[in-house]
Amino acid sequence: MQEVGLFDAKTHLSSLVDRVEKGEEIWITRHGHPVAKLVPMKDPGAQDRLAALDALIRFGQGRKLG
């Protein structure tokens, strides 16, 4: 994980986001102390799909075809 100072993070935010999109994690520091972390986002729809799949499985439990 790389550390980047706050001023540099503001100046180079676009390139930092490009790196994070590729999987890198970056700590942002202020006066040498970590204050934030840039991390890749998880698939935002994954939780909705898992919930829908779980609902379908529960719906089908105890039912028979035919």
PDB file of N, CA and C in Angstrom:
ATOM      1  N   MET A   1       0.856  -1.171   0.000  1.00  0.00           N
ATOM      2  CA  MET A   1       0.000   0.000   0.000  1.00  0.00           C
ATOM      3  C   MET A   1       0.900   1.231   0.000  1.00  0.00           C
ATOM      4  N   GLN A   2       0.580   2.179  -0.851  1.00  0.00           N
ATOM      5  CA  GLN A   2       1.388   3.388  -0.952  1.00  0.00           C
ATOM      6  C   GLN A   2       0.746   4.524  -0.157  1.00  0.00           C
ATOM      7  N   GLU A   3       1.583   5.382   0.400  1.00  0.00           N
ATOM      8  CA  GLU A   3       1.106   6.572   1.105  1.00  0.00           C
ATOM      9  C   GLU A   3       1.329   7.792   0.218  1.00  0.00           C
ATOM     10  N   VAL A   4       0.330   8.670   0.185  1.00  0.00           N
ATOM     11  CA  VAL A   4       0.407   9.902  -0.602  1.00  0.00           C
ATOM     12  C   VAL A   4      -0.053  11.045   0.292  1.00  0.00           C
ATOM     13  N   GLY A   5       0.698  12.136   0.294  1.00  0.00           N
ATOM     14  CA  GLY A   5       0.314  13.302   1.070  1.00  0.00           C
ATOM     15  C   GLY A   5      -0.955  13.938   0.521  1.00  0.00           C
ATOM     16  N   LEU A   6      -1.680  14.619   1.376  1.00  0.00           N
ATOM     17  CA  LEU A   6      -2.958  15.220   1.000  1.00  0.00           C
ATOM     18  C   LEU A   6      -2.824  16.188  -0.174  1.00  0.00           C
ATOM     19  N   PHE A   7      -1.822  17.048  -0.157  1.00  0.00           N
ATOM     20  CA  PHE A   7      -1.637  18.001  -1.247  1.00  0.00           C
ATOM     21  C   PHE A   7      -1.417  17.271  -2.568  1.00  0.00           C
ATOM     22  N   ASP A   8      -0.552  16.248  -2.559  1.00  0.00           N
ATOM     23  CA  ASP A   8      -0.305  15.474  -3.773  1.00  0.00           C
ATOM     24  C   ASP A   8      -1.556  14.718  -4.209  1.00  0.00           C
ATOM     25  N   ALA A   9      -2.331  14.224  -3.264  1.00  0.00           N
ATOM     26  CA  ALA A   9      -3.560  13.514  -3.602  1.00  0.00           C
ATOM     27  C   ALA A   9      -4.540  14.452  -4.307  1.00  0.00           C
ATOM     28  N   LYS A  10      -4.651  15.693  -3.825  1.00  0.00           N
ATOM     29  CA  LYS A  10      -5.537  16.660  -4.478  1.00  0.00           C
ATOM     30  C   LYS A  10      -5.036  16.970  -5.887  1.00  0.00           C
ATOM     31  N   THR A  11      -3.739  17.104  -6.026  1.00  0.00           N
ATOM     32  CA  THR A  11      -3.150  17.466  -7.307  1.00  0.00           C
ATOM     33  C   THR A  11      -3.254  16.337  -8.329  1.00  0.00           C
ATOM     34  N   HIS A  12      -3.152  15.088  -7.863  1.00  0.00           N
ATOM     35  CA  HIS A  12      -3.089  13.933  -8.764  1.00  0.00           C
ATOM     36  C   HIS A  12      -4.255  12.963  -8.565  1.00  0.00           C
ATOM     37  N   LEU A  13      -5.394  13.472  -8.138  1.00  0.00           N
ATOM     38  CA  LEU A  13      -6.516  12.594  -7.805  1.00  0.00           C
ATOM     39  C   LEU A  13      -6.912  11.689  -8.973  1.00  0.00           C
ATOM     40  N   SER A  14      -6.960  12.233 -10.172  1.00  0.00           N
ATOM     41  CA  SER A  14      -7.378  11.444 -11.325  1.00  0.00           C
ATOM     42  C   SER A  14      -6.474  10.238 -11.545  1.00  0.00           C
ATOM     43  N   SER A  15      -5.162  10.443 -11.471  1.00  0.00           N
ATOM     44  CA  SER A  15      -4.246   9.317 -11.673  1.00  0.00           C
ATOM     45  C   SER A  15      -4.305   8.338 -10.504  1.00  0.00           C
ATOM     46  N   LEU A  16      -4.552   8.837  -9.297  1.00  0.00           N
ATOM     47  CA  LEU A  16      -4.700   7.938  -8.150  1.00  0.00           C
ATOM     48  C   LEU A  16      -5.934   7.060  -8.309  1.00  0.00           C
ATOM     49  N   VAL A  17      -7.017   7.641  -8.789  1.00  0.00           N
ATOM     50  CA  VAL A  17      -8.242   6.862  -9.011  1.00  0.00           C
ATOM     51  C   VAL A  17      -8.006   5.806 -10.091  1.00  0.00           C
ATOM     52  N   ASP A  18      -7.259   6.151 -11.129  1.00  0.00           N
ATOM     53  CA  ASP A  18      -6.915   5.161 -12.163  1.00  0.00           C
ATOM     54  C   ASP A  18      -6.193   3.970 -11.546  1.00  0.00           C
ATOM     55  N   ARG A  19      -5.260   4.234 -10.659  1.00  0.00           N
ATOM     56  CA  ARG A  19      -4.501   3.167 -10.010  1.00  0.00           C
ATOM     57  C   ARG A  19      -5.395   2.325  -9.108  1.00  0.00           C
ATOM     58  N   VAL A  20      -6.302   2.980  -8.398  1.00  0.00           N
ATOM     59  CA  VAL A  20      -7.215   2.263  -7.504  1.00  0.00           C
ATOM     60  C   VAL A  20      -8.162   1.378  -8.315  1.00  0.00           C
ATOM     61  N   GLU A  21      -8.600   1.860  -9.471  1.00  0.00           N
ATOM     62  CA  GLU A  21      -9.463   1.043 -10.332  1.00  0.00           C
ATOM     63  C   GLU A  21      -8.778  -0.256 -10.748  1.00  0.00           C
ATOM     64  N   LYS A  22      -7.461  -0.241 -10.796  1.00  0.00           N
ATOM     65  CA  LYS A  22      -6.697  -1.428 -11.180  1.00  0.00           C
ATOM     66  C   LYS A  22      -6.412  -2.330  -9.984  1.00  0.00           C
ATOM     67  N   GLY A  23      -6.907  -1.956  -8.798  1.00  0.00           N
ATOM     68  CA  GLY A  23      -6.791  -2.819  -7.629  1.00  0.00           C
ATOM     69  C   GLY A  23      -5.862  -2.330  -6.535  1.00  0.00           C
ATOM     70  N   GLU A  24      -5.174  -1.236  -6.758  1.00  0.00           N
ATOM     71  CA  GLU A  24      -4.225  -0.734  -5.760  1.00  0.00           C
ATOM     72  C   GLU A  24      -4.974  -0.022  -4.622  1.00  0.00           C
ATOM     73  N   GLU A  25      -4.421  -0.081  -3.420  1.00  0.00           N
ATOM     74  CA  GLU A  25      -4.948   0.666  -2.282  1.00  0.00           C
ATOM     75  C   GLU A  25      -3.945   1.762  -1.925  1.00  0.00           C
ATOM     76  N   ILE A  26      -4.445   2.956  -1.639  1.00  0.00           N
ATOM     77  CA  ILE A  26      -3.574   4.103  -1.370  1.00  0.00           C
ATOM     78  C   ILE A  26      -4.037   4.795  -0.102  1.00  0.00           C
ATOM     79  N   TRP A  27      -3.098   5.016   0.816  1.00  0.00           N
ATOM     80  CA  TRP A  27      -3.375   5.783   2.026  1.00  0.00           C
ATOM     81  C   TRP A  27      -3.078   7.248   1.760  1.00  0.00           C
ATOM     82  N   ILE A  28      -3.954   8.111   2.225  1.00  0.00           N
ATOM     83  CA  ILE A  28      -3.724   9.552   2.140  1.00  0.00           C
ATOM     84  C   ILE A  28      -3.317  10.027   3.533  1.00  0.00           C
ATOM     85  N   THR A  29      -2.221  10.775   3.573  1.00  0.00           N
ATOM     86  CA  THR A  29      -1.700  11.225   4.863  1.00  0.00           C
ATOM     87  C   THR A  29      -1.752  12.745   4.977  1.00  0.00           C
ATOM     88  N   ARG A  30      -1.817  13.206   6.213  1.00  0.00           N
ATOM     89  CA  ARG A  30      -1.706  14.636   6.520  1.00  0.00           C
ATOM     90  C   ARG A  30      -0.610  14.760   7.563  1.00  0.00           C
ATOM     91  N   HIS A  31       0.430  15.480   7.216  1.00  0.00           N
ATOM     92  CA  HIS A  31       1.585  15.648   8.111  1.00  0.00           C
ATOM     93  C   HIS A  31       2.148  14.293   8.547  1.00  0.00           C
ATOM     94  N   GLY A  32       2.148  13.326   7.590  1.00  0.00           N
ATOM     95  CA  GLY A  32       2.735  12.021   7.857  1.00  0.00           C
ATOM     96  C   GLY A  32       1.843  11.022   8.574  1.00  0.00           C
ATOM     97  N   HIS A  33       0.608  11.429   8.916  1.00  0.00           N
ATOM     98  CA  HIS A  33      -0.313  10.535   9.620  1.00  0.00           C
ATOM     99  C   HIS A  33      -1.439  10.121   8.664  1.00  0.00           C
ATOM    100  N   PRO A  34      -1.741   8.827   8.551  1.00  0.00           N
ATOM    101  CA  PRO A  34      -2.825   8.369   7.679  1.00  0.00           C
ATOM    102  C   PRO A  34      -4.172   8.947   8.126  1.00  0.00           C
ATOM    103  N   VAL A  35      -4.918   9.495   7.171  1.00  0.00           N
ATOM    104  CA  VAL A  35      -6.239  10.059   7.477  1.00  0.00           C
ATOM    105  C   VAL A  35      -7.348   9.468   6.608  1.00  0.00           C
ATOM    106  N   ALA A  36      -6.984   8.838   5.482  1.00  0.00           N
ATOM    107  CA  ALA A  36      -7.991   8.259   4.596  1.00  0.00           C
ATOM    108  C   ALA A  36      -7.339   7.162   3.769  1.00  0.00           C
ATOM    109  N   LYS A  37      -8.190   6.316   3.178  1.00  0.00           N
ATOM    110  CA  LYS A  37      -7.673   5.250   2.334  1.00  0.00           C
ATOM    111  C   LYS A  37      -8.536   5.162   1.077  1.00  0.00           C
ATOM    112  N   LEU A  38      -7.890   5.153  -0.090  1.00  0.00           N
ATOM    113  CA  LEU A  38      -8.581   4.931  -1.359  1.00  0.00           C
ATOM    114  C   LEU A  38      -8.509   3.443  -1.658  1.00  0.00           C
ATOM    115  N   VAL A  39      -9.661   2.815  -1.847  1.00  0.00           N
ATOM    116  CA  VAL A  39      -9.708   1.382  -2.136  1.00  0.00           C
ATOM    117  C   VAL A  39     -10.676   1.146  -3.289  1.00  0.00           C
ATOM    118  N   PRO A  40     -10.474   0.064  -4.048  1.00  0.00           N
ATOM    119  CA  PRO A  40     -11.411  -0.245  -5.126  1.00  0.00           C
ATOM    120  C   PRO A  40     -12.799  -0.546  -4.564  1.00  0.00           C
ATOM    121  N   MET A  41     -13.808  -0.118  -5.290  1.00  0.00           N
ATOM    122  CA  MET A  41     -15.184  -0.413  -4.884  1.00  0.00           C
ATOM    123  C   MET A  41     -15.516  -1.857  -5.209  1.00  0.00           C
ATOM    124  N   LYS A  42     -16.280  -2.470  -4.352  1.00  0.00           N
ATOM    125  CA  LYS A  42     -16.819  -3.785  -4.654  1.00  0.00           C
ATOM    126  C   LYS A  42     -17.951  -3.590  -5.656  1.00  0.00           C
ATOM    127  N   ASP A  43     -18.320  -4.663  -6.323  1.00  0.00           N
ATOM    128  CA  ASP A  43     -19.425  -4.594  -7.279  1.00  0.00           C
ATOM    129  C   ASP A  43     -20.668  -4.101  -6.551  1.00  0.00           C
ATOM    130  N   PRO A  44     -21.162  -2.879  -6.882  1.00  0.00           N
ATOM    131  CA  PRO A  44     -22.277  -2.314  -6.116  1.00  0.00           C
ATOM    132  C   PRO A  44     -23.571  -3.112  -6.230  1.00  0.00           C
ATOM    133  N   GLY A  45     -23.741  -3.884  -7.298  1.00  0.00           N
ATOM    134  CA  GLY A  45     -24.968  -4.661  -7.451  1.00  0.00           C
ATOM    135  C   GLY A  45     -24.883  -6.061  -6.882  1.00  0.00           C
ATOM    136  N   ALA A  46     -23.711  -6.477  -6.431  1.00  0.00           N
ATOM    137  CA  ALA A  46     -23.528  -7.848  -5.957  1.00  0.00           C
ATOM    138  C   ALA A  46     -24.436  -8.162  -4.779  1.00  0.00           C
ATOM    139  N   GLN A  47     -24.572  -7.252  -3.843  1.00  0.00           N
ATOM    140  CA  GLN A  47     -25.396  -7.498  -2.665  1.00  0.00           C
ATOM    141  C   GLN A  47     -26.856  -7.658  -3.060  1.00  0.00           C
ATOM    142  N   ASP A  48     -27.325  -6.849  -4.020  1.00  0.00           N
ATOM    143  CA  ASP A  48     -28.714  -6.966  -4.484  1.00  0.00           C
ATOM    144  C   ASP A  48     -28.951  -8.323  -5.154  1.00  0.00           C
ATOM    145  N   ARG A  49     -27.983  -8.769  -5.950  1.00  0.00           N
ATOM    146  CA  ARG A  49     -28.133 -10.063  -6.628  1.00  0.00           C
ATOM    147  C   ARG A  49     -28.141 -11.204  -5.621  1.00  0.00           C
ATOM    148  N   LEU A  50     -27.293 -11.125  -4.604  1.00  0.00           N
ATOM    149  CA  LEU A  50     -27.273 -12.169  -3.581  1.00  0.00           C
ATOM    150  C   LEU A  50     -28.585 -12.210  -2.811  1.00  0.00           C
ATOM    151  N   ALA A  51     -29.137 -11.053  -2.518  1.00  0.00           N
ATOM    152  CA  ALA A  51     -30.418 -11.006  -1.795  1.00  0.00           C
ATOM    153  C   ALA A  51     -31.539 -11.601  -2.650  1.00  0.00           C
ATOM    154  N   ALA A  52     -31.542 -11.303  -3.946  1.00  0.00           N
ATOM    155  CA  ALA A  52     -32.565 -11.850  -4.840  1.00  0.00           C
ATOM    156  C   ALA A  52     -32.428 -13.364  -4.954  1.00  0.00           C
ATOM    157  N   LEU A  53     -31.209 -13.848  -5.070  1.00  0.00           N
ATOM    158  CA  LEU A  53     -30.973 -15.286  -5.144  1.00  0.00           C
ATOM    159  C   LEU A  53     -31.416 -15.974  -3.857  1.00  0.00           C
ATOM    160  N   ASP A  54     -31.112 -15.380  -2.726  1.00  0.00           N
ATOM    161  CA  ASP A  54     -31.529 -15.934  -1.441  1.00  0.00           C
ATOM    162  C   ASP A  54     -33.053 -16.000  -1.349  1.00  0.00           C
ATOM    163  N   ALA A  55     -33.737 -14.960  -1.828  1.00  0.00           N
ATOM    164  CA  ALA A  55     -35.202 -14.938  -1.801  1.00  0.00           C
ATOM    165  C   ALA A  55     -35.772 -16.045  -2.691  1.00  0.00           C
ATOM    166  N   LEU A  56     -35.170 -16.273  -3.844  1.00  0.00           N
ATOM    167  CA  LEU A  56     -35.633 -17.347  -4.729  1.00  0.00           C
ATOM    168  C   LEU A  56     -35.431 -18.716  -4.094  1.00  0.00           C
ATOM    169  N   ILE A  57     -34.315 -18.902  -3.440  1.00  0.00           N
ATOM    170  CA  ILE A  57     -34.048 -20.188  -2.785  1.00  0.00           C
ATOM    171  C   ILE A  57     -35.065 -20.427  -1.673  1.00  0.00           C
ATOM    172  N   ARG A  58     -35.325 -19.420  -0.861  1.00  0.00           N
ATOM    173  CA  ARG A  58     -36.304 -19.561   0.226  1.00  0.00           C
ATOM    174  C   ARG A  58     -37.698 -19.821  -0.332  1.00  0.00           C
ATOM    175  N   PHE A  59     -38.044 -19.167  -1.436  1.00  0.00           N
ATOM    176  CA  PHE A  59     -39.357 -19.359  -2.062  1.00  0.00           C
ATOM    177  C   PHE A  59     -39.532 -20.803  -2.516  1.00  0.00           C
ATOM    178  N   GLY A  60     -38.458 -21.396  -3.045  1.00  0.00           N
ATOM    179  CA  GLY A  60     -38.556 -22.748  -3.589  1.00  0.00           C
ATOM    180  C   GLY A  60     -38.474 -23.840  -2.555  1.00  0.00           C
ATOM    181  N   GLN A  61     -38.082 -23.538  -1.347  1.00  0.00           N
ATOM    182  CA  GLN A  61     -37.936 -24.568  -0.327  1.00  0.00           C
ATOM    183  C   GLN A  61     -39.309 -25.133   0.039  1.00  0.00           C
ATOM    184  N   GLY A  62     -39.408 -26.467   0.031  1.00  0.00           N
ATOM    185  CA  GLY A  62     -40.645 -27.134   0.409  1.00  0.00           C
ATOM    186  C   GLY A  62     -41.664 -27.220  -0.727  1.00  0.00           C
ATOM    187  N   ARG A  63     -41.350 -26.711  -1.883  1.00  0.00           N
ATOM    188  CA  ARG A  63     -42.250 -26.789  -3.049  1.00  0.00           C
ATOM    189  C   ARG A  63     -41.778 -27.895  -3.969  1.00  0.00           C
ATOM    190  N   LYS A  64     -42.742 -28.486  -4.676  1.00  0.00           N
ATOM    191  CA  LYS A  64     -42.436 -29.538  -5.629  1.00  0.00           C
ATOM    192  C   LYS A  64     -42.993 -29.148  -6.991  1.00  0.00           C
ATOM    193  N   LEU A  65     -42.283 -29.560  -8.028  1.00  0.00           N
ATOM    194  CA  LEU A  65     -42.771 -29.330  -9.380  1.00  0.00           C
ATOM    195  C   LEU A  65     -43.769 -30.417  -9.745  1.00  0.00           C
ATOM    196  N   GLY A  66     -44.759 -30.052 -10.562  1.00  0.00           N
ATOM    197  CA  GLY A  66     -45.679 -31.052 -11.092  1.00  0.00           C
ATOM    198  C   GLY A  66     -46.784 -31.271 -10.198  1.00  0.00           C
TER     199      GLY A  66
END
